[in-house]
Amino acid sequence: MYGTVGKFKIKEGMAETAIKDMDREEIGEGYIGHIMYQMDNDSNEFIFAVVFESKEAYHANAQRPETHQEFEKMMQYVDGEIHWNDGEIVFHRGLES
């Protein structure tokens, strides 16, 4: 399995709307799931992880025009940049591939 972890801030007062929009996002083949944390120390700061069955599926999804459109839509809510960290998942419990 392969995926990415992102850390970002949402503009003040936009968290609920941003989460609803992200929940409607269509994701390509090989997608397994994702989780998103809202930080206790700053309710506008979030960390999320997206999981794909393989590195190839992850990169194929990244090349879809729909993925770019969803990214552009999400960026209207983001305050600053998203800090991405991609990598191979070497341990998991409770995720089915």
PDB file of N, CA and C in Angstrom:
ATOM      1  N   MET A   1       0.846  -1.186   0.000  1.00  0.00           N
ATOM      2  CA  MET A   1       0.000   0.000   0.000  1.00  0.00           C
ATOM      3  C   MET A   1       0.882   1.237   0.000  1.00  0.00           C
ATOM      4  N   TYR A   2       0.303   2.321  -0.486  1.00  0.00           N
ATOM      5  CA  TYR A   2       1.047   3.560  -0.673  1.00  0.00           C
ATOM      6  C   TYR A   2       0.094   4.726  -0.448  1.00  0.00           C
ATOM      7  N   GLY A   3       0.634   5.876  -0.071  1.00  0.00           N
ATOM      8  CA  GLY A   3      -0.236   7.032   0.098  1.00  0.00           C
ATOM      9  C   GLY A   3       0.513   8.292   0.428  1.00  0.00           C
ATOM     10  N   THR A   4      -0.239   9.238   0.946  1.00  0.00           N
ATOM     11  CA  THR A   4       0.325  10.522   1.311  1.00  0.00           C
ATOM     12  C   THR A   4      -0.280  10.991   2.617  1.00  0.00           C
ATOM     13  N   VAL A   5       0.495  11.796   3.323  1.00  0.00           N
ATOM     14  CA  VAL A   5       0.030  12.482   4.521  1.00  0.00           C
ATOM     15  C   VAL A   5       0.191  13.965   4.255  1.00  0.00           C
ATOM     16  N   GLY A   6      -0.844  14.729   4.538  1.00  0.00           N
ATOM     17  CA  GLY A   6      -0.799  16.170   4.322  1.00  0.00           C
ATOM     18  C   GLY A   6      -1.127  16.917   5.592  1.00  0.00           C
ATOM     19  N   LYS A   7      -0.496  18.059   5.757  1.00  0.00           N
ATOM     20  CA  LYS A   7      -0.760  18.933   6.909  1.00  0.00           C
ATOM     21  C   LYS A   7      -1.052  20.321   6.363  1.00  0.00           C
ATOM     22  N   PHE A   8      -2.130  20.924   6.856  1.00  0.00           N
ATOM     23  CA  PHE A   8      -2.526  22.238   6.355  1.00  0.00           C
ATOM     24  C   PHE A   8      -3.429  22.952   7.342  1.00  0.00           C
ATOM     25  N   LYS A   9      -3.604  24.234   7.103  1.00  0.00           N
ATOM     26  CA  LYS A   9      -4.555  25.043   7.876  1.00  0.00           C
ATOM     27  C   LYS A   9      -5.699  25.445   6.963  1.00  0.00           C
ATOM     28  N   ILE A  10      -6.880  25.501   7.560  1.00  0.00           N
ATOM     29  CA  ILE A  10      -8.069  25.966   6.836  1.00  0.00           C
ATOM     30  C   ILE A  10      -8.353  27.393   7.285  1.00  0.00           C
ATOM     31  N   LYS A  11      -8.802  28.199   6.358  1.00  0.00           N
ATOM     32  CA  LYS A  11      -9.132  29.586   6.674  1.00  0.00           C
ATOM     33  C   LYS A  11     -10.192  29.638   7.775  1.00  0.00           C
ATOM     34  N   GLU A  12     -10.072  30.638   8.606  1.00  0.00           N
ATOM     35  CA  GLU A  12     -10.987  30.832   9.730  1.00  0.00           C
ATOM     36  C   GLU A  12     -12.442  30.747   9.280  1.00  0.00           C
ATOM     37  N   GLY A  13     -13.224  29.917   9.973  1.00  0.00           N
ATOM     38  CA  GLY A  13     -14.653  29.785   9.706  1.00  0.00           C
ATOM     39  C   GLY A  13     -15.021  28.916   8.520  1.00  0.00           C
ATOM     40  N   MET A  14     -14.024  28.262   7.867  1.00  0.00           N
ATOM     41  CA  MET A  14     -14.291  27.492   6.650  1.00  0.00           C
ATOM     42  C   MET A  14     -14.208  25.979   6.862  1.00  0.00           C
ATOM     43  N   ALA A  15     -13.900  25.519   8.061  1.00  0.00           N
ATOM     44  CA  ALA A  15     -13.640  24.096   8.287  1.00  0.00           C
ATOM     45  C   ALA A  15     -14.840  23.225   7.936  1.00  0.00           C
ATOM     46  N   GLU A  16     -16.019  23.551   8.427  1.00  0.00           N
ATOM     47  CA  GLU A  16     -17.195  22.705   8.182  1.00  0.00           C
ATOM     48  C   GLU A  16     -17.501  22.584   6.691  1.00  0.00           C
ATOM     49  N   THR A  17     -17.455  23.691   5.974  1.00  0.00           N
ATOM     50  CA  THR A  17     -17.717  23.680   4.533  1.00  0.00           C
ATOM     51  C   THR A  17     -16.648  22.889   3.800  1.00  0.00           C
ATOM     52  N   ALA A  18     -15.403  23.067   4.162  1.00  0.00           N
ATOM     53  CA  ALA A  18     -14.299  22.356   3.512  1.00  0.00           C
ATOM     54  C   ALA A  18     -14.438  20.843   3.704  1.00  0.00           C
ATOM     55  N   ILE A  19     -14.768  20.422   4.906  1.00  0.00           N
ATOM     56  CA  ILE A  19     -14.910  18.987   5.190  1.00  0.00           C
ATOM     57  C   ILE A  19     -16.051  18.398   4.377  1.00  0.00           C
ATOM     58  N   LYS A  20     -17.163  19.092   4.280  1.00  0.00           N
ATOM     59  CA  LYS A  20     -18.297  18.609   3.477  1.00  0.00           C
ATOM     60  C   LYS A  20     -17.899  18.468   2.012  1.00  0.00           C
ATOM     61  N   ASP A  21     -17.177  19.443   1.475  1.00  0.00           N
ATOM     62  CA  ASP A  21     -16.740  19.373   0.079  1.00  0.00           C
ATOM     63  C   ASP A  21     -15.764  18.222  -0.137  1.00  0.00           C
ATOM     64  N   MET A  22     -14.843  18.010   0.787  1.00  0.00           N
ATOM     65  CA  MET A  22     -13.869  16.929   0.649  1.00  0.00           C
ATOM     66  C   MET A  22     -14.559  15.575   0.701  1.00  0.00           C
ATOM     67  N   ASP A  23     -15.643  15.470   1.449  1.00  0.00           N
ATOM     68  CA  ASP A  23     -16.361  14.212   1.580  1.00  0.00           C
ATOM     69  C   ASP A  23     -17.065  13.819   0.280  1.00  0.00           C
ATOM     70  N   ARG A  24     -17.300  14.765  -0.596  1.00  0.00           N
ATOM     71  CA  ARG A  24     -17.967  14.494  -1.876  1.00  0.00           C
ATOM     72  C   ARG A  24     -16.991  14.138  -2.991  1.00  0.00           C
ATOM     73  N   GLU A  25     -15.718  14.247  -2.711  1.00  0.00           N
ATOM     74  CA  GLU A  25     -14.686  14.037  -3.732  1.00  0.00           C
ATOM     75  C   GLU A  25     -14.710  12.616  -4.286  1.00  0.00           C
ATOM     76  N   GLU A  26     -14.617  12.501  -5.619  1.00  0.00           N
ATOM     77  CA  GLU A  26     -14.514  11.206  -6.296  1.00  0.00           C
ATOM     78  C   GLU A  26     -13.036  10.860  -6.439  1.00  0.00           C
ATOM     79  N   ILE A  27     -12.682   9.648  -6.041  1.00  0.00           N
ATOM     80  CA  ILE A  27     -11.282   9.233  -6.086  1.00  0.00           C
ATOM     81  C   ILE A  27     -11.165   8.023  -7.001  1.00  0.00           C
ATOM     82  N   GLY A  28     -10.040   7.928  -7.698  1.00  0.00           N
ATOM     83  CA  GLY A  28      -9.836   6.916  -8.730  1.00  0.00           C
ATOM     84  C   GLY A  28      -9.619   5.499  -8.224  1.00  0.00           C
ATOM     85  N   GLU A  29      -9.357   4.618  -9.180  1.00  0.00           N
ATOM     86  CA  GLU A  29      -9.138   3.196  -8.908  1.00  0.00           C
ATOM     87  C   GLU A  29      -7.963   2.984  -7.962  1.00  0.00           C
ATOM     88  N   GLY A  30      -8.081   1.960  -7.153  1.00  0.00           N
ATOM     89  CA  GLY A  30      -7.018   1.620  -6.226  1.00  0.00           C
ATOM     90  C   GLY A  30      -7.095   2.356  -4.902  1.00  0.00           C
ATOM     91  N   TYR A  31      -8.071   3.248  -4.756  1.00  0.00           N
ATOM     92  CA  TYR A  31      -8.262   3.998  -3.509  1.00  0.00           C
ATOM     93  C   TYR A  31      -8.782   3.059  -2.436  1.00  0.00           C
ATOM     94  N   ILE A  32      -8.189   3.118  -1.258  1.00  0.00           N
ATOM     95  CA  ILE A  32      -8.639   2.303  -0.130  1.00  0.00           C
ATOM     96  C   ILE A  32      -9.405   3.148   0.883  1.00  0.00           C
ATOM     97  N   GLY A  33      -8.859   4.295   1.256  1.00  0.00           N
ATOM     98  CA  GLY A  33      -9.543   5.126   2.238  1.00  0.00           C
ATOM     99  C   GLY A  33      -8.684   6.293   2.673  1.00  0.00           C
ATOM    100  N   HIS A  34      -9.270   7.106   3.539  1.00  0.00           N
ATOM    101  CA  HIS A  34      -8.508   8.205   4.110  1.00  0.00           C
ATOM    102  C   HIS A  34      -9.082   8.572   5.473  1.00  0.00           C
ATOM    103  N   ILE A  35      -8.249   9.252   6.247  1.00  0.00           N
ATOM    104  CA  ILE A  35      -8.678   9.775   7.535  1.00  0.00           C
ATOM    105  C   ILE A  35      -8.190  11.212   7.646  1.00  0.00           C
ATOM    106  N   MET A  36      -8.878  11.990   8.472  1.00  0.00           N
ATOM    107  CA  MET A  36      -8.490  13.383   8.656  1.00  0.00           C
ATOM    108  C   MET A  36      -8.606  13.726  10.138  1.00  0.00           C
ATOM    109  N   TYR A  37      -7.576  14.342  10.666  1.00  0.00           N
ATOM    110  CA  TYR A  37      -7.540  14.772  12.052  1.00  0.00           C
ATOM    111  C   TYR A  37      -7.683  16.282  12.123  1.00  0.00           C
ATOM    112  N   GLN A  38      -8.475  16.759  13.069  1.00  0.00           N
ATOM    113  CA  GLN A  38      -8.530  18.179  13.397  1.00  0.00           C
ATOM    114  C   GLN A  38      -7.761  18.330  14.705  1.00  0.00           C
ATOM    115  N   MET A  39      -6.736  19.155  14.723  1.00  0.00           N
ATOM    116  CA  MET A  39      -5.834  19.250  15.851  1.00  0.00           C
ATOM    117  C   MET A  39      -6.505  19.930  17.053  1.00  0.00           C
ATOM    118  N   ASP A  40      -6.257  19.375  18.234  1.00  0.00           N
ATOM    119  CA  ASP A  40      -6.798  19.952  19.474  1.00  0.00           C
ATOM    120  C   ASP A  40      -6.239  21.339  19.759  1.00  0.00           C
ATOM    121  N   ASN A  41      -4.952  21.532  19.467  1.00  0.00           N
ATOM    122  CA  ASN A  41      -4.318  22.803  19.821  1.00  0.00           C
ATOM    123  C   ASN A  41      -4.614  23.934  18.837  1.00  0.00           C
ATOM    124  N   ASP A  42      -5.184  23.614  17.669  1.00  0.00           N
ATOM    125  CA  ASP A  42      -5.563  24.635  16.677  1.00  0.00           C
ATOM    126  C   ASP A  42      -6.651  24.024  15.798  1.00  0.00           C
ATOM    127  N   SER A  43      -7.892  24.438  16.008  1.00  0.00           N
ATOM    128  CA  SER A  43      -9.019  23.823  15.292  1.00  0.00           C
ATOM    129  C   SER A  43      -9.019  24.120  13.798  1.00  0.00           C
ATOM    130  N   ASN A  44      -8.136  24.998  13.338  1.00  0.00           N
ATOM    131  CA  ASN A  44      -8.006  25.262  11.906  1.00  0.00           C
ATOM    132  C   ASN A  44      -6.880  24.453  11.271  1.00  0.00           C
ATOM    133  N   GLU A  45      -6.186  23.662  12.064  1.00  0.00           N
ATOM    134  CA  GLU A  45      -5.083  22.850  11.543  1.00  0.00           C
ATOM    135  C   GLU A  45      -5.541  21.397  11.409  1.00  0.00           C
ATOM    136  N   PHE A  46      -5.201  20.790  10.254  1.00  0.00           N
ATOM    137  CA  PHE A  46      -5.626  19.435   9.944  1.00  0.00           C
ATOM    138  C   PHE A  46      -4.456  18.609   9.425  1.00  0.00           C
ATOM    139  N   ILE A  47      -4.527  17.305   9.693  1.00  0.00           N
ATOM    140  CA  ILE A  47      -3.614  16.335   9.112  1.00  0.00           C
ATOM    141  C   ILE A  47      -4.478  15.230   8.527  1.00  0.00           C
ATOM    142  N   PHE A  48      -4.173  14.835   7.288  1.00  0.00           N
ATOM    143  CA  PHE A  48      -4.942  13.751   6.678  1.00  0.00           C
ATOM    144  C   PHE A  48      -3.999  12.746   6.036  1.00  0.00           C
ATOM    145  N   ALA A  49      -4.508  11.527   5.912  1.00  0.00           N
ATOM    146  CA  ALA A  49      -3.758  10.459   5.260  1.00  0.00           C
ATOM    147  C   ALA A  49      -4.672   9.784   4.253  1.00  0.00           C
ATOM    148  N   VAL A  50      -4.140   9.553   3.044  1.00  0.00           N
ATOM    149  CA  VAL A  50      -4.883   8.891   1.977  1.00  0.00           C
ATOM    150  C   VAL A  50      -4.132   7.607   1.632  1.00  0.00           C
ATOM    151  N   VAL A  51      -4.877   6.511   1.457  1.00  0.00           N
ATOM    152  CA  VAL A  51      -4.273   5.201   1.225  1.00  0.00           C
ATOM    153  C   VAL A  51      -4.754   4.634  -0.110  1.00  0.00           C
ATOM    154  N   PHE A  52      -3.791   4.156  -0.909  1.00  0.00           N
ATOM    155  CA  PHE A  52      -4.062   3.471  -2.173  1.00  0.00           C
ATOM    156  C   PHE A  52      -3.458   2.075  -2.115  1.00  0.00           C
ATOM    157  N   GLU A  53      -3.933   1.192  -2.975  1.00  0.00           N
ATOM    158  CA  GLU A  53      -3.435  -0.179  -2.968  1.00  0.00           C
ATOM    159  C   GLU A  53      -1.993  -0.283  -3.447  1.00  0.00           C
ATOM    160  N   SER A  54      -1.515   0.712  -4.205  1.00  0.00           N
ATOM    161  CA  SER A  54      -0.139   0.654  -4.710  1.00  0.00           C
ATOM    162  C   SER A  54       0.351   2.056  -5.066  1.00  0.00           C
ATOM    163  N   LYS A  55       1.652   2.164  -5.225  1.00  0.00           N
ATOM    164  CA  LYS A  55       2.262   3.418  -5.652  1.00  0.00           C
ATOM    165  C   LYS A  55       1.755   3.793  -7.048  1.00  0.00           C
ATOM    166  N   GLU A  56       1.605   2.784  -7.901  1.00  0.00           N
ATOM    167  CA  GLU A  56       1.118   3.029  -9.264  1.00  0.00           C
ATOM    168  C   GLU A  56      -0.307   3.594  -9.252  1.00  0.00           C
ATOM    169  N   ALA A  57      -1.173   3.034  -8.409  1.00  0.00           N
ATOM    170  CA  ALA A  57      -2.551   3.530  -8.313  1.00  0.00           C
ATOM    171  C   ALA A  57      -2.576   4.961  -7.773  1.00  0.00           C
ATOM    172  N   TYR A  58      -1.721   5.242  -6.810  1.00  0.00           N
ATOM    173  CA  TYR A  58      -1.620   6.599  -6.246  1.00  0.00           C
ATOM    174  C   TYR A  58      -1.225   7.599  -7.334  1.00  0.00           C
ATOM    175  N   HIS A  59      -0.171   7.261  -8.087  1.00  0.00           N
ATOM    176  CA  HIS A  59       0.301   8.179  -9.126  1.00  0.00           C
ATOM    177  C   HIS A  59      -0.697   8.290 -10.285  1.00  0.00           C
ATOM    178  N   ALA A  60      -1.376   7.202 -10.625  1.00  0.00           N
ATOM    179  CA  ALA A  60      -2.410   7.268 -11.668  1.00  0.00           C
ATOM    180  C   ALA A  60      -3.533   8.201 -11.231  1.00  0.00           C
ATOM    181  N   ASN A  61      -3.930   8.126  -9.964  1.00  0.00           N
ATOM    182  CA  ASN A  61      -4.970   9.021  -9.457  1.00  0.00           C
ATOM    183  C   ASN A  61      -4.512  10.477  -9.523  1.00  0.00           C
ATOM    184  N   ALA A  62      -3.252  10.711  -9.201  1.00  0.00           N
ATOM    185  CA  ALA A  62      -2.719  12.078  -9.217  1.00  0.00           C
ATOM    186  C   ALA A  62      -2.750  12.686 -10.617  1.00  0.00           C
ATOM    187  N   GLN A  63      -2.707  11.845 -11.653  1.00  0.00           N
ATOM    188  CA  GLN A  63      -2.702  12.331 -13.036  1.00  0.00           C
ATOM    189  C   GLN A  63      -4.104  12.571 -13.605  1.00  0.00           C
ATOM    190  N   ARG A  64      -5.133  12.169 -12.897  1.00  0.00           N
ATOM    191  CA  ARG A  64      -6.507  12.351 -13.383  1.00  0.00           C
ATOM    192  C   ARG A  64      -6.871  13.841 -13.372  1.00  0.00           C
ATOM    193  N   PRO A  65      -7.495  14.359 -14.438  1.00  0.00           N
ATOM    194  CA  PRO A  65      -7.934  15.762 -14.443  1.00  0.00           C
ATOM    195  C   PRO A  65      -8.903  16.059 -13.294  1.00  0.00           C
ATOM    196  N   GLU A  66      -9.722  15.087 -12.927  1.00  0.00           N
ATOM    197  CA  GLU A  66     -10.671  15.281 -11.827  1.00  0.00           C
ATOM    198  C   GLU A  66      -9.950  15.510 -10.502  1.00  0.00           C
ATOM    199  N   THR A  67      -8.824  14.843 -10.320  1.00  0.00           N
ATOM    200  CA  THR A  67      -8.049  15.020  -9.098  1.00  0.00           C
ATOM    201  C   THR A  67      -7.513  16.436  -9.022  1.00  0.00           C
ATOM    202  N   HIS A  68      -7.023  16.947 -10.135  1.00  0.00           N
ATOM    203  CA  HIS A  68      -6.521  18.327 -10.154  1.00  0.00           C
ATOM    204  C   HIS A  68      -7.650  19.311  -9.883  1.00  0.00           C
ATOM    205  N   GLN A  69      -8.822  19.080 -10.446  1.00  0.00           N
ATOM    206  CA  GLN A  69      -9.978  19.953 -10.209  1.00  0.00           C
ATOM    207  C   GLN A  69     -10.365  19.951  -8.730  1.00  0.00           C
ATOM    208  N   GLU A  70     -10.370  18.776  -8.113  1.00  0.00           N
ATOM    209  CA  GLU A  70     -10.695  18.679  -6.687  1.00  0.00           C
ATOM    210  C   GLU A  70      -9.644  19.393  -5.837  1.00  0.00           C
ATOM    211  N   PHE A  71      -8.376  19.269  -6.226  1.00  0.00           N
ATOM    212  CA  PHE A  71      -7.303  19.961  -5.513  1.00  0.00           C
ATOM    213  C   PHE A  71      -7.493  21.471  -5.586  1.00  0.00           C
ATOM    214  N   GLU A  72      -7.776  21.981  -6.769  1.00  0.00           N
ATOM    215  CA  GLU A  72      -7.998  23.420  -6.937  1.00  0.00           C
ATOM    216  C   GLU A  72      -9.183  23.896  -6.094  1.00  0.00           C
ATOM    217  N   LYS A  73     -10.228  23.105  -6.052  1.00  0.00           N
ATOM    218  CA  LYS A  73     -11.405  23.433  -5.248  1.00  0.00           C
ATOM    219  C   LYS A  73     -11.045  23.477  -3.761  1.00  0.00           C
ATOM    220  N   MET A  74     -10.260  22.486  -3.310  1.00  0.00           N
ATOM    221  CA  MET A  74      -9.861  22.434  -1.913  1.00  0.00           C
ATOM    222  C   MET A  74      -8.993  23.622  -1.523  1.00  0.00           C
ATOM    223  N   MET A  75      -8.154  24.070  -2.440  1.00  0.00           N
ATOM    224  CA  MET A  75      -7.226  25.154  -2.125  1.00  0.00           C
ATOM    225  C   MET A  75      -7.922  26.466  -1.790  1.00  0.00           C
ATOM    226  N   GLN A  76      -9.186  26.628  -2.169  1.00  0.00           N
ATOM    227  CA  GLN A  76      -9.900  27.851  -1.803  1.00  0.00           C
ATOM    228  C   GLN A  76     -10.109  27.941  -0.288  1.00  0.00           C
ATOM    229  N   TYR A  77     -10.031  26.800   0.392  1.00  0.00           N
ATOM    230  CA  TYR A  77     -10.222  26.769   1.842  1.00  0.00           C
ATOM    231  C   TYR A  77      -8.913  26.818   2.624  1.00  0.00           C
ATOM    232  N   VAL A  78      -7.812  26.519   1.954  1.00  0.00           N
ATOM    233  CA  VAL A  78      -6.527  26.358   2.629  1.00  0.00           C
ATOM    234  C   VAL A  78      -5.854  27.714   2.845  1.00  0.00           C
ATOM    235  N   ASP A  79      -5.354  27.890   4.063  1.00  0.00           N
ATOM    236  CA  ASP A  79      -4.615  29.098   4.439  1.00  0.00           C
ATOM    237  C   ASP A  79      -3.127  28.761   4.381  1.00  0.00           C
ATOM    238  N   GLY A  80      -2.466  29.127   3.301  1.00  0.00           N
ATOM    239  CA  GLY A  80      -1.049  28.798   3.126  1.00  0.00           C
ATOM    240  C   GLY A  80      -0.882  27.607   2.207  1.00  0.00           C
ATOM    241  N   GLU A  81       0.092  26.778   2.521  1.00  0.00           N
ATOM    242  CA  GLU A  81       0.416  25.615   1.690  1.00  0.00           C
ATOM    243  C   GLU A  81       0.034  24.322   2.387  1.00  0.00           C
ATOM    244  N   ILE A  82      -0.101  23.266   1.593  1.00  0.00           N
ATOM    245  CA  ILE A  82      -0.245  21.924   2.142  1.00  0.00           C
ATOM    246  C   ILE A  82       1.141  21.297   2.136  1.00  0.00           C
ATOM    247  N   HIS A  83       1.539  20.726   3.246  1.00  0.00           N
ATOM    248  CA  HIS A  83       2.832  20.060   3.351  1.00  0.00           C
ATOM    249  C   HIS A  83       2.594  18.561   3.149  1.00  0.00           C
ATOM    250  N   TRP A  84       3.075  18.044   2.016  1.00  0.00           N
ATOM    251  CA  TRP A  84       2.835  16.660   1.605  1.00  0.00           C
ATOM    252  C   TRP A  84       4.002  15.773   1.987  1.00  0.00           C
ATOM    253  N   ASN A  85       3.692  14.526   2.329  1.00  0.00           N
ATOM    254  CA  ASN A  85       4.696  13.501   2.583  1.00  0.00           C
ATOM    255  C   ASN A  85       4.165  12.187   2.021  1.00  0.00           C
ATOM    256  N   ASP A  86       4.723  11.750   0.894  1.00  0.00           N
ATOM    257  CA  ASP A  86       4.313  10.507   0.242  1.00  0.00           C
ATOM    258  C   ASP A  86       5.189   9.359   0.714  1.00  0.00           C
ATOM    259  N   GLY A  87       4.611   8.142   0.708  1.00  0.00           N
ATOM    260  CA  GLY A  87       5.450   7.008   1.063  1.00  0.00           C
ATOM    261  C   GLY A  87       4.728   5.680   1.071  1.00  0.00           C
ATOM    262  N   GLU A  88       5.551   4.641   1.130  1.00  0.00           N
ATOM    263  CA  GLU A  88       5.080   3.270   1.215  1.00  0.00           C
ATOM    264  C   GLU A  88       4.563   3.012   2.628  1.00  0.00           C
ATOM    265  N   ILE A  89       3.424   2.352   2.746  1.00  0.00           N
ATOM    266  CA  ILE A  89       2.878   1.999   4.051  1.00  0.00           C
ATOM    267  C   ILE A  89       3.514   0.672   4.452  1.00  0.00           C
ATOM    268  N   VAL A  90       4.291   0.694   5.526  1.00  0.00           N
ATOM    269  CA  VAL A  90       5.038  -0.495   5.940  1.00  0.00           C
ATOM    270  C   VAL A  90       4.374  -1.240   7.090  1.00  0.00           C
ATOM    271  N   PHE A  91       3.390  -0.639   7.710  1.00  0.00           N
ATOM    272  CA  PHE A  91       2.629  -1.300   8.762  1.00  0.00           C
ATOM    273  C   PHE A  91       1.220  -0.721   8.791  1.00  0.00           C
ATOM    274  N   HIS A  92       0.265  -1.580   8.980  1.00  0.00           N
ATOM    275  CA  HIS A  92      -1.108  -1.121   9.171  1.00  0.00           C
ATOM    276  C   HIS A  92      -1.888  -2.172   9.936  1.00  0.00           C
ATOM    277  N   ARG A  93      -2.930  -1.735  10.541  1.00  0.00           N
ATOM    278  CA  ARG A  93      -3.864  -2.650  11.188  1.00  0.00           C
ATOM    279  C   ARG A  93      -5.251  -2.128  10.874  1.00  0.00           C
ATOM    280  N   GLY A  94      -6.098  -3.003  10.371  1.00  0.00           N
ATOM    281  CA  GLY A  94      -7.479  -2.629  10.109  1.00  0.00           C
ATOM    282  C   GLY A  94      -7.735  -2.052   8.741  1.00  0.00           C
ATOM    283  N   LEU A  95      -6.747  -1.994   7.875  1.00  0.00           N
ATOM    284  CA  LEU A  95      -6.944  -1.515   6.505  1.00  0.00           C
ATOM    285  C   LEU A  95      -6.926  -2.724   5.578  1.00  0.00           C
ATOM    286  N   GLU A  96      -7.914  -2.810   4.741  1.00  0.00           N
ATOM    287  CA  GLU A  96      -7.962  -3.896   3.760  1.00  0.00           C
ATOM    288  C   GLU A  96      -7.500  -3.376   2.417  1.00  0.00           C
ATOM    289  N   SER A  97      -6.675  -4.130   1.727  1.00  0.00           N
ATOM    290  CA  SER A  97      -6.223  -3.713   0.396  1.00  0.00           C
ATOM    291  C   SER A  97      -7.012  -4.417  -0.675  1.00  0.00           C
TER     292      SER A  97
END
